[in-house]
PDB file of N, CA and C in Angstrom:
ATOM      1  N   MET A   1      -4.526 -16.536  -0.289  1.00  0.00           N
ATOM      2  CA  MET A   1      -3.696 -15.855  -0.900  1.00  0.00           C
ATOM      3  C   MET A   1      -3.456 -14.355  -0.963  1.00  0.00           C
ATOM      4  N   ARG A   2      -2.736 -14.154  -1.344  1.00  0.00           N
ATOM      5  CA  ARG A   2      -2.370 -12.940  -0.913  1.00  0.00           C
ATOM      6  C   ARG A   2      -2.513 -11.659  -1.882  1.00  0.00           C
ATOM      7  N   PHE A   3      -3.003 -10.813  -1.798  1.00  0.00           N
ATOM      8  CA  PHE A   3      -3.788  -9.675  -3.143  1.00  0.00           C
ATOM      9  C   PHE A   3      -3.190  -8.155  -2.874  1.00  0.00           C
ATOM     10  N   VAL A   4      -3.195  -7.445  -3.515  1.00  0.00           N
ATOM     11  CA  VAL A   4      -3.211  -5.354  -3.675  1.00  0.00           C
ATOM     12  C   VAL A   4      -4.771  -5.322  -3.864  1.00  0.00           C
ATOM     13  N   LEU A   5      -5.666  -5.263  -3.294  1.00  0.00           N
ATOM     14  CA  LEU A   5      -6.597  -4.936  -3.768  1.00  0.00           C
ATOM     15  C   LEU A   5      -7.024  -2.743  -4.023  1.00  0.00           C
ATOM     16  N   HIS A   6      -6.639  -2.298  -5.155  1.00  0.00           N
ATOM     17  CA  HIS A   6      -6.702  -1.295  -5.764  1.00  0.00           C
ATOM     18  C   HIS A   6      -7.740  -0.620  -5.573  1.00  0.00           C
ATOM     19  N   ILE A   7      -8.171   0.435  -4.702  1.00  0.00           N
ATOM     20  CA  ILE A   7      -8.816   0.990  -5.391  1.00  0.00           C
ATOM     21  C   ILE A   7      -9.269   2.412  -5.819  1.00  0.00           C
ATOM     22  N   SER A   8     -10.321   2.832  -6.531  1.00  0.00           N
ATOM     23  CA  SER A   8     -10.331   4.314  -7.444  1.00  0.00           C
ATOM     24  C   SER A   8     -11.100   4.668  -6.774  1.00  0.00           C
ATOM     25  N   LEU A   9     -11.149   6.153  -6.430  1.00  0.00           N
ATOM     26  CA  LEU A   9     -12.657   6.192  -5.776  1.00  0.00           C
ATOM     27  C   LEU A   9     -13.215   7.579  -6.686  1.00  0.00           C
ATOM     28  N   PRO A  10     -14.263   7.576  -7.073  1.00  0.00           N
ATOM     29  CA  PRO A  10     -14.787   8.619  -8.105  1.00  0.00           C
ATOM     30  C   PRO A  10     -14.658  10.119  -6.955  1.00  0.00           C
ATOM     31  N   VAL A  11     -14.124  10.907  -8.239  1.00  0.00           N
ATOM     32  CA  VAL A  11     -14.059  12.407  -7.131  1.00  0.00           C
ATOM     33  C   VAL A  11     -15.119  12.753  -6.553  1.00  0.00           C
ATOM     34  N   GLU A  12     -16.348  12.917  -7.331  1.00  0.00           N
ATOM     35  CA  GLU A  12     -17.614  13.992  -6.757  1.00  0.00           C
ATOM     36  C   GLU A  12     -18.348  13.223  -5.436  1.00  0.00           C
ATOM     37  N   LYS A  13     -18.610  10.953  -5.649  1.00  0.00           N
ATOM     38  CA  LYS A  13     -19.162  10.643  -4.611  1.00  0.00           C
ATOM     39  C   LYS A  13     -18.428  10.816  -3.406  1.00  0.00           C
ATOM     40  N   PHE A  14     -16.784  10.523  -3.934  1.00  0.00           N
ATOM     41  CA  PHE A  14     -16.207  10.139  -2.678  1.00  0.00           C
ATOM     42  C   PHE A  14     -15.958  12.425  -1.986  1.00  0.00           C
ATOM     43  N   ASN A  15     -15.571  13.612  -2.470  1.00  0.00           N
ATOM     44  CA  ASN A  15     -16.293  14.428  -2.150  1.00  0.00           C
ATOM     45  C   ASN A  15     -17.702  14.842  -1.449  1.00  0.00           C
ATOM     46  N   GLN A  16     -18.689  13.716  -2.680  1.00  0.00           N
ATOM     47  CA  GLN A  16     -20.136  14.719  -1.235  1.00  0.00           C
ATOM     48  C   GLN A  16     -19.921  13.599   0.036  1.00  0.00           C
ATOM     49  N   ALA A  17     -19.549  12.518   0.270  1.00  0.00           N
ATOM     50  CA  ALA A  17     -18.945  12.134   1.362  1.00  0.00           C
ATOM     51  C   ALA A  17     -17.953  12.850   2.211  1.00  0.00           C
ATOM     52  N   VAL A  18     -17.182  13.261   1.801  1.00  0.00           N
ATOM     53  CA  VAL A  18     -16.600  14.018   2.474  1.00  0.00           C
ATOM     54  C   VAL A  18     -17.395  15.684   3.111  1.00  0.00           C
ATOM     55  N   ARG A  19     -17.678  16.120   2.217  1.00  0.00           N
ATOM     56  CA  ARG A  19     -18.811  17.234   2.743  1.00  0.00           C
ATOM     57  C   ARG A  19     -19.969  16.937   3.942  1.00  0.00           C
ATOM     58  N   ASP A  20     -20.671  15.906   3.712  1.00  0.00           N
ATOM     59  CA  ASP A  20     -21.831  15.713   4.035  1.00  0.00           C
ATOM     60  C   ASP A  20     -20.896  14.708   5.622  1.00  0.00           C
ATOM     61  N   GLY A  21     -19.958  14.426   5.783  1.00  0.00           N
ATOM     62  CA  GLY A  21     -18.967  13.981   7.218  1.00  0.00           C
ATOM     63  C   GLY A  21     -19.102  12.355   7.334  1.00  0.00           C
ATOM     64  N   THR A  22     -19.682  11.831   5.917  1.00  0.00           N
ATOM     65  CA  THR A  22     -19.630  10.360   6.438  1.00  0.00           C
ATOM     66  C   THR A  22     -18.450   9.404   5.979  1.00  0.00           C
ATOM     67  N   ALA A  23     -17.130  10.456   5.074  1.00  0.00           N
ATOM     68  CA  ALA A  23     -16.282   9.542   4.305  1.00  0.00           C
ATOM     69  C   ALA A  23     -15.664   8.431   5.554  1.00  0.00           C
ATOM     70  N   GLY A  24     -15.260   9.546   6.654  1.00  0.00           N
ATOM     71  CA  GLY A  24     -14.415   8.903   7.900  1.00  0.00           C
ATOM     72  C   GLY A  24     -14.827   7.901   8.047  1.00  0.00           C
ATOM     73  N   GLU A  25     -16.210   7.858   8.855  1.00  0.00           N
ATOM     74  CA  GLU A  25     -16.520   6.572   8.933  1.00  0.00           C
ATOM     75  C   GLU A  25     -16.694   5.295   8.085  1.00  0.00           C
ATOM     76  N   LYS A  26     -17.621   5.773   6.845  1.00  0.00           N
ATOM     77  CA  LYS A  26     -18.003   4.465   5.845  1.00  0.00           C
ATOM     78  C   LYS A  26     -16.050   4.031   5.911  1.00  0.00           C
ATOM     79  N   MET A  27     -15.423   4.600   6.168  1.00  0.00           N
ATOM     80  CA  MET A  27     -14.318   3.789   5.904  1.00  0.00           C
ATOM     81  C   MET A  27     -13.655   2.752   6.795  1.00  0.00           C
ATOM     82  N   ARG A  28     -13.896   4.261   8.014  1.00  0.00           N
ATOM     83  CA  ARG A  28     -13.416   2.940   8.888  1.00  0.00           C
ATOM     84  C   ARG A  28     -14.086   1.566   8.764  1.00  0.00           C
ATOM     85  N   ARG A  29     -15.319   1.975   9.024  1.00  0.00           N
ATOM     86  CA  ARG A  29     -16.238   0.616   8.819  1.00  0.00           C
ATOM     87  C   ARG A  29     -16.073  -0.652   7.839  1.00  0.00           C
ATOM     88  N   ILE A  30     -15.555   0.274   6.918  1.00  0.00           N
ATOM     89  CA  ILE A  30     -15.061  -0.627   5.690  1.00  0.00           C
ATOM     90  C   ILE A  30     -13.988  -1.398   6.195  1.00  0.00           C
ATOM     91  N   LEU A  31     -12.589  -0.765   6.094  1.00  0.00           N
ATOM     92  CA  LEU A  31     -11.310  -1.371   6.834  1.00  0.00           C
ATOM     93  C   LEU A  31     -11.918  -2.210   8.270  1.00  0.00           C
ATOM     94  N   ASP A  32     -12.607  -1.473   8.864  1.00  0.00           N
ATOM     95  CA  ASP A  32     -12.660  -2.764  10.166  1.00  0.00           C
ATOM     96  C   ASP A  32     -13.600  -4.252   9.889  1.00  0.00           C
ATOM     97  N   GLU A  33     -14.272  -4.370   8.926  1.00  0.00           N
ATOM     98  CA  GLU A  33     -14.232  -5.188   8.884  1.00  0.00           C
ATOM     99  C   GLU A  33     -13.848  -6.248   7.454  1.00  0.00           C
ATOM    100  N   THR A  34     -13.151  -5.216   6.947  1.00  0.00           N
ATOM    101  CA  THR A  34     -12.050  -6.628   5.789  1.00  0.00           C
ATOM    102  C   THR A  34     -10.917  -6.784   6.276  1.00  0.00           C
ATOM    103  N   LYS A  35     -10.398  -5.649   7.521  1.00  0.00           N
ATOM    104  CA  LYS A  35      -9.422  -6.179   7.987  1.00  0.00           C
ATOM    105  C   LYS A  35      -7.654  -6.163   7.078  1.00  0.00           C
ATOM    106  N   PRO A  36      -7.898  -5.662   6.654  1.00  0.00           N
ATOM    107  CA  PRO A  36      -6.308  -5.412   5.650  1.00  0.00           C
ATOM    108  C   PRO A  36      -4.906  -5.588   6.450  1.00  0.00           C
ATOM    109  N   GLU A  37      -3.950  -6.498   5.784  1.00  0.00           N
ATOM    110  CA  GLU A  37      -2.939  -6.885   6.255  1.00  0.00           C
ATOM    111  C   GLU A  37      -1.838  -5.444   6.630  1.00  0.00           C
ATOM    112  N   ALA A  38      -2.672  -4.301   5.719  1.00  0.00           N
ATOM    113  CA  ALA A  38      -1.661  -3.356   5.000  1.00  0.00           C
ATOM    114  C   ALA A  38      -2.534  -2.332   4.449  1.00  0.00           C
ATOM    115  N   ALA A  39      -2.606  -0.780   4.599  1.00  0.00           N
ATOM    116  CA  ALA A  39      -3.412   0.239   4.018  1.00  0.00           C
ATOM    117  C   ALA A  39      -2.715   1.359   3.231  1.00  0.00           C
ATOM    118  N   TYR A  40      -2.919   1.585   1.856  1.00  0.00           N
ATOM    119  CA  TYR A  40      -2.075   2.968   2.394  1.00  0.00           C
ATOM    120  C   TYR A  40      -2.595   3.197   1.271  1.00  0.00           C
ATOM    121  N   PHE A  41      -3.135   4.877   1.238  1.00  0.00           N
ATOM    122  CA  PHE A  41      -4.391   5.670   0.212  1.00  0.00           C
ATOM    123  C   PHE A  41      -3.973   7.068   0.265  1.00  0.00           C
ATOM    124  N   CYS A  42      -3.664   6.648  -1.913  1.00  0.00           N
ATOM    125  CA  CYS A  42      -2.641   8.227  -2.046  1.00  0.00           C
ATOM    126  C   CYS A  42      -4.118   8.923  -2.857  1.00  0.00           C
ATOM    127  N   ALA A  43      -3.513   9.196  -4.545  1.00  0.00           N
ATOM    128  CA  ALA A  43      -3.733  10.021  -5.546  1.00  0.00           C
ATOM    129  C   ALA A  43      -3.107   9.240  -6.991  1.00  0.00           C
ATOM    130  N   LYS A  44      -4.135   8.846  -7.419  1.00  0.00           N
ATOM    131  CA  LYS A  44      -3.752   8.200  -8.752  1.00  0.00           C
ATOM    132  C   LYS A  44      -4.310   8.555  -9.957  1.00  0.00           C
ATOM    133  N   GLU A  45      -3.554   8.838 -10.659  1.00  0.00           N
ATOM    134  CA  GLU A  45      -4.658   9.625 -12.184  1.00  0.00           C
ATOM    135  C   GLU A  45      -5.715  10.708 -11.099  1.00  0.00           C
ATOM    136  N   GLY A  46      -5.562  11.470 -10.215  1.00  0.00           N
ATOM    137  CA  GLY A  46      -6.391  12.598 -10.860  1.00  0.00           C
ATOM    138  C   GLY A  46      -7.649  11.988 -10.010  1.00  0.00           C
ATOM    139  N   MET A  47      -7.804  10.766  -9.323  1.00  0.00           N
ATOM    140  CA  MET A  47      -8.335  10.270  -8.229  1.00  0.00           C
ATOM    141  C   MET A  47      -7.577   9.969  -6.540  1.00  0.00           C
ATOM    142  N   ARG A  48      -8.929  10.320  -6.075  1.00  0.00           N
ATOM    143  CA  ARG A  48      -8.072   9.338  -4.430  1.00  0.00           C
ATOM    144  C   ARG A  48      -8.442   7.935  -4.366  1.00  0.00           C
ATOM    145  N   GLY A  49      -7.885   7.139  -3.773  1.00  0.00           N
ATOM    146  CA  GLY A  49      -7.577   6.114  -4.265  1.00  0.00           C
ATOM    147  C   GLY A  49      -6.952   5.246  -2.848  1.00  0.00           C
ATOM    148  N   GLY A  50      -6.463   3.819  -3.216  1.00  0.00           N
ATOM    149  CA  GLY A  50      -5.873   3.087  -2.575  1.00  0.00           C
ATOM    150  C   GLY A  50      -5.376   2.171  -2.903  1.00  0.00           C
ATOM    151  N   PHE A  51      -4.158   1.443  -1.989  1.00  0.00           N
ATOM    152  CA  PHE A  51      -4.006   0.118  -2.086  1.00  0.00           C
ATOM    153  C   PHE A  51      -3.842  -0.713  -0.571  1.00  0.00           C
ATOM    154  N   LEU A  52      -5.190  -1.472  -0.042  1.00  0.00           N
ATOM    155  CA  LEU A  52      -4.742  -1.893   0.510  1.00  0.00           C
ATOM    156  C   LEU A  52      -4.867  -4.492   0.506  1.00  0.00           C
ATOM    157  N   ILE A  53      -3.641  -4.469   0.699  1.00  0.00           N
ATOM    158  CA  ILE A  53      -3.042  -6.283   1.319  1.00  0.00           C
ATOM    159  C   ILE A  53      -3.630  -6.961   1.593  1.00  0.00           C
ATOM    160  N   VAL A  54      -4.921  -7.618   1.013  1.00  0.00           N
ATOM    161  CA  VAL A  54      -5.454  -8.610   2.148  1.00  0.00           C
ATOM    162  C   VAL A  54      -5.072  -9.913   1.332  1.00  0.00           C
ATOM    163  N   ASP A  55      -5.882 -11.145   1.945  1.00  0.00           N
ATOM    164  CA  ASP A  55      -5.423 -12.603   2.133  1.00  0.00           C
ATOM    165  C   ASP A  55      -6.605 -13.087   2.289  1.00  0.00           C
ATOM    166  N   ILE A  56      -6.566 -14.122   0.950  1.00  0.00           N
ATOM    167  CA  ILE A  56      -7.903 -14.307   0.574  1.00  0.00           C
ATOM    168  C   ILE A  56      -7.841 -15.816  -0.280  1.00  0.00           C
ATOM    169  N   SER A  57      -8.458 -16.904   1.108  1.00  0.00           N
ATOM    170  CA  SER A  57      -8.430 -17.180   0.526  1.00  0.00           C
ATOM    171  C   SER A  57      -9.603 -18.405  -0.277  1.00  0.00           C
ATOM    172  N   ASP A  58     -10.121 -17.661  -0.653  1.00  0.00           N
ATOM    173  CA  ASP A  58     -10.949 -18.812  -1.586  1.00  0.00           C
ATOM    174  C   ASP A  58     -11.984 -17.854  -2.396  1.00  0.00           C
ATOM    175  N   VAL A  59     -11.545 -17.758  -3.859  1.00  0.00           N
ATOM    176  CA  VAL A  59     -12.445 -16.274  -4.550  1.00  0.00           C
ATOM    177  C   VAL A  59     -13.392 -16.215  -4.009  1.00  0.00           C
ATOM    178  N   SER A  60     -14.666 -17.402  -3.685  1.00  0.00           N
ATOM    179  CA  SER A  60     -15.621 -16.375  -3.082  1.00  0.00           C
ATOM    180  C   SER A  60     -15.532 -15.251  -2.178  1.00  0.00           C
ATOM    181  N   GLU A  61     -14.321 -14.690  -1.423  1.00  0.00           N
ATOM    182  CA  GLU A  61     -14.791 -14.323  -0.679  1.00  0.00           C
ATOM    183  C   GLU A  61     -14.135 -12.837  -1.338  1.00  0.00           C
ATOM    184  N   MET A  62     -14.007 -12.671  -2.353  1.00  0.00           N
ATOM    185  CA  MET A  62     -13.923 -11.324  -3.300  1.00  0.00           C
ATOM    186  C   MET A  62     -14.807 -10.713  -3.280  1.00  0.00           C
ATOM    187  N   PRO A  63     -16.448 -10.579  -2.910  1.00  0.00           N
ATOM    188  CA  PRO A  63     -16.913  -9.602  -2.912  1.00  0.00           C
ATOM    189  C   PRO A  63     -17.128  -9.158  -1.173  1.00  0.00           C
ATOM    190  N   ARG A  64     -17.112  -9.837  -0.817  1.00  0.00           N
ATOM    191  CA  ARG A  64     -16.490  -9.071   0.861  1.00  0.00           C
ATOM    192  C   ARG A  64     -15.569  -8.365   1.075  1.00  0.00           C
ATOM    193  N   PHE A  65     -14.694  -7.921   0.328  1.00  0.00           N
ATOM    194  CA  PHE A  65     -13.556  -6.963  -0.143  1.00  0.00           C
ATOM    195  C   PHE A  65     -14.131  -5.761  -1.211  1.00  0.00           C
ATOM    196  N   ALA A  66     -14.983  -6.315  -2.142  1.00  0.00           N
ATOM    197  CA  ALA A  66     -15.061  -5.377  -2.800  1.00  0.00           C
ATOM    198  C   ALA A  66     -16.290  -4.273  -2.572  1.00  0.00           C
ATOM    199  N   GLU A  67     -17.434  -5.313  -2.682  1.00  0.00           N
ATOM    200  CA  GLU A  67     -18.961  -4.923  -2.398  1.00  0.00           C
ATOM    201  C   GLU A  67     -18.841  -3.390  -1.701  1.00  0.00           C
ATOM    202  N   PRO A  68     -18.186  -3.199  -0.202  1.00  0.00           N
ATOM    203  CA  PRO A  68     -18.346  -2.409   0.273  1.00  0.00           C
ATOM    204  C   PRO A  68     -18.328  -0.935   0.123  1.00  0.00           C
ATOM    205  N   TRP A  69     -16.873  -0.838  -0.770  1.00  0.00           N
ATOM    206  CA  TRP A  69     -16.427   0.052  -1.405  1.00  0.00           C
ATOM    207  C   TRP A  69     -16.915   0.318  -2.506  1.00  0.00           C
ATOM    208  N   PHE A  70     -17.983  -0.505  -3.727  1.00  0.00           N
ATOM    209  CA  PHE A  70     -18.632  -0.486  -4.770  1.00  0.00           C
ATOM    210  C   PHE A  70     -19.679   0.475  -4.164  1.00  0.00           C
ATOM    211  N   LEU A  71     -20.893  -0.184  -2.514  1.00  0.00           N
ATOM    212  CA  LEU A  71     -21.533   0.243  -2.873  1.00  0.00           C
ATOM    213  C   LEU A  71     -21.952   2.004  -2.369  1.00  0.00           C
ATOM    214  N   LEU A  72     -21.012   1.649  -1.241  1.00  0.00           N
ATOM    215  CA  LEU A  72     -20.724   3.636  -0.457  1.00  0.00           C
ATOM    216  C   LEU A  72     -20.050   4.357  -1.255  1.00  0.00           C
ATOM    217  N   PHE A  73     -18.913   3.780  -2.189  1.00  0.00           N
ATOM    218  CA  PHE A  73     -18.266   5.024  -3.062  1.00  0.00           C
ATOM    219  C   PHE A  73     -18.856   4.933  -4.712  1.00  0.00           C
ATOM    220  N   ASP A  74     -19.020   3.902  -4.798  1.00  0.00           N
ATOM    221  CA  ASP A  74     -19.226   4.075  -6.767  1.00  0.00           C
ATOM    222  C   ASP A  74     -17.604   3.238  -7.088  1.00  0.00           C
ATOM    223  N   ALA A  75     -16.612   2.736  -6.235  1.00  0.00           N
ATOM    224  CA  ALA A  75     -15.258   2.749  -6.364  1.00  0.00           C
ATOM    225  C   ALA A  75     -15.148   1.812  -7.548  1.00  0.00           C
ATOM    226  N   THR A  76     -14.288   1.803  -7.950  1.00  0.00           N
ATOM    227  CA  THR A  76     -13.225   0.997  -8.786  1.00  0.00           C
ATOM    228  C   THR A  76     -12.757   0.221  -8.131  1.00  0.00           C
ATOM    229  N   VAL A  77     -12.397  -1.309  -8.472  1.00  0.00           N
ATOM    230  CA  VAL A  77     -12.195  -2.483  -7.513  1.00  0.00           C
ATOM    231  C   VAL A  77     -11.276  -3.213  -8.188  1.00  0.00           C
ATOM    232  N   GLU A  78     -10.033  -3.565  -8.110  1.00  0.00           N
ATOM    233  CA  GLU A  78      -9.015  -4.513  -8.758  1.00  0.00           C
ATOM    234  C   GLU A  78      -8.427  -5.012  -7.926  1.00  0.00           C
ATOM    235  N   PHE A  79      -7.859  -6.383  -8.043  1.00  0.00           N
ATOM    236  CA  PHE A  79      -7.654  -7.191  -7.486  1.00  0.00           C
ATOM    237  C   PHE A  79      -6.351  -7.672  -8.699  1.00  0.00           C
ATOM    238  N   LEU A  80      -5.215  -7.515  -7.454  1.00  0.00           N
ATOM    239  CA  LEU A  80      -3.756  -8.002  -8.047  1.00  0.00           C
ATOM    240  C   LEU A  80      -3.270  -9.110  -7.241  1.00  0.00           C
ATOM    241  N   PRO A  81      -2.733 -10.201  -7.693  1.00  0.00           N
ATOM    242  CA  PRO A  81      -2.767 -11.311  -6.986  1.00  0.00           C
ATOM    243  C   PRO A  81      -0.855 -10.669  -6.980  1.00  0.00           C
ATOM    244  N   THR A  82      -0.219 -11.287  -5.383  1.00  0.00           N
ATOM    245  CA  THR A  82       1.259 -10.917  -5.066  1.00  0.00           C
ATOM    246  C   THR A  82       1.670 -11.405  -4.681  1.00  0.00           C
ATOM    247  N   MET A  83       2.670 -11.248  -4.391  1.00  0.00           N
ATOM    248  CA  MET A  83       3.995 -12.305  -3.871  1.00  0.00           C
ATOM    249  C   MET A  83       4.616 -11.235  -3.061  1.00  0.00           C
ATOM    250  N   THR A  84       5.120 -11.806  -1.617  1.00  0.00           N
ATOM    251  CA  THR A  84       6.049 -11.180  -1.271  1.00  0.00           C
ATOM    252  C   THR A  84       7.635 -11.783  -1.238  1.00  0.00           C
ATOM    253  N   PRO A  85       8.456 -11.497  -0.772  1.00  0.00           N
ATOM    254  CA  PRO A  85       9.742 -12.039  -1.593  1.00  0.00           C
ATOM    255  C   PRO A  85      10.586 -13.873  -1.058  1.00  0.00           C
ATOM    256  N   GLU A  86       9.776 -14.126  -0.118  1.00  0.00           N
ATOM    257  CA  GLU A  86       9.922 -15.039   0.218  1.00  0.00           C
ATOM    258  C   GLU A  86       9.234 -16.631  -0.821  1.00  0.00           C
ATOM    259  N   ASP A  87       7.391 -15.955  -1.338  1.00  0.00           N
ATOM    260  CA  ASP A  87       7.301 -16.320  -2.124  1.00  0.00           C
ATOM    261  C   ASP A  87       7.495 -16.491  -3.848  1.00  0.00           C
ATOM    262  N   LEU A  88       8.539 -15.488  -4.036  1.00  0.00           N
ATOM    263  CA  LEU A  88       9.663 -15.789  -4.872  1.00  0.00           C
ATOM    264  C   LEU A  88      10.502 -16.128  -5.085  1.00  0.00           C
ATOM    265  N   GLN A  89      10.882 -16.339  -4.149  1.00  0.00           N
ATOM    266  CA  GLN A  89      12.253 -17.308  -4.038  1.00  0.00           C
ATOM    267  C   GLN A  89      11.463 -19.329  -3.752  1.00  0.00           C
ATOM    268  N   ARG A  90      10.608 -19.416  -3.914  1.00  0.00           N
ATOM    269  CA  ARG A  90      10.178 -20.252  -4.298  1.00  0.00           C
ATOM    270  C   ARG A  90       9.186 -21.098  -5.636  1.00  0.00           C
ATOM    271  N   ALA A  91       9.377 -19.746  -6.568  1.00  0.00           N
ATOM    272  CA  ALA A  91       8.787 -19.656  -7.458  1.00  0.00           C
ATOM    273  C   ALA A  91      10.015 -20.389  -8.278  1.00  0.00           C
ATOM    274  N   GLY A  92      10.915 -20.782  -8.328  1.00  0.00           N
ATOM    275  CA  GLY A  92      11.611 -21.006  -9.099  1.00  0.00           C
ATOM    276  C   GLY A  92      11.977 -20.737 -10.265  1.00  0.00           C
ATOM    277  N   LEU A  93      12.247 -19.372 -10.407  1.00  0.00           N
ATOM    278  CA  LEU A  93      12.979 -18.361 -11.526  1.00  0.00           C
ATOM    279  C   LEU A  93      13.996 -18.995 -11.848  1.00  0.00           C
ATOM    280  N   ASP A  94      14.613 -19.432 -11.280  1.00  0.00           N
ATOM    281  CA  ASP A  94      15.984 -19.859 -11.638  1.00  0.00           C
ATOM    282  C   ASP A  94      15.668 -21.376 -13.048  1.00  0.00           C
ATOM    283  N   GLN A  95      15.048 -21.908 -12.589  1.00  0.00           N
ATOM    284  CA  GLN A  95      14.398 -23.634 -13.523  1.00  0.00           C
ATOM    285  C   GLN A  95      13.806 -23.155 -13.939  1.00  0.00           C
ATOM    286  N   LEU A  96      12.917 -22.048 -14.012  1.00  0.00           N
ATOM    287  CA  LEU A  96      12.303 -21.586 -15.354  1.00  0.00           C
ATOM    288  C   LEU A  96      13.669 -20.684 -17.064  1.00  0.00           C
ATOM    289  N   GLY A  97      13.821 -20.194 -15.877  1.00  0.00           N
ATOM    290  CA  GLY A  97      14.966 -19.822 -16.823  1.00  0.00           C
ATOM    291  C   GLY A  97      15.864 -20.224 -17.930  1.00  0.00           C
ATOM    292  N   LYS A  98      16.043 -21.118 -17.189  1.00  0.00           N
ATOM    293  CA  LYS A  98      17.045 -22.494 -18.116  1.00  0.00           C
ATOM    294  C   LYS A  98      16.211 -22.995 -19.190  1.00  0.00           C
ATOM    295  N   LYS A  99      14.946 -23.423 -18.381  1.00  0.00           N
ATOM    296  CA  LYS A  99      13.835 -24.290 -19.106  1.00  0.00           C
ATOM    297  C   LYS A  99      13.640 -23.133 -20.442  1.00  0.00           C
ATOM    298  N   TRP A 100      13.377 -22.418 -20.387  1.00  0.00           N
ATOM    299  CA  TRP A 100      12.923 -21.410 -21.094  1.00  0.00           C
ATOM    300  C   TRP A 100      13.696 -20.520 -21.988  1.00  0.00           C
ATOM    301  N   GLN A 101      15.214 -20.383 -21.778  1.00  0.00           N
ATOM    302  CA  GLN A 101      16.356 -20.436 -22.684  1.00  0.00           C
ATOM    303  C   GLN A 101      15.858 -20.227 -24.217  1.00  0.00           C
TER     304      GLN A 101
END
């Protein structure tokens, strides 16, 4: 199942990694290990963060994606189930709309 993995990085902890020169290497290690389909980084609500697209076949895999961010950056991690346009087409919205009018 595809998820958007939303990561929020605490400012001070990430600043420390930037200052000591380890931020890039830590992020590279995480991305190399987890191999997201896509990764986008941005600022949100005054914090650095990002959105990664990951495919998780079993919920037992969630720690593999979250723990590196927790352990290296004290990050907040949120898993958001998501669909592609093709998934949405298979969802049967027309039938649901008729059933629940």
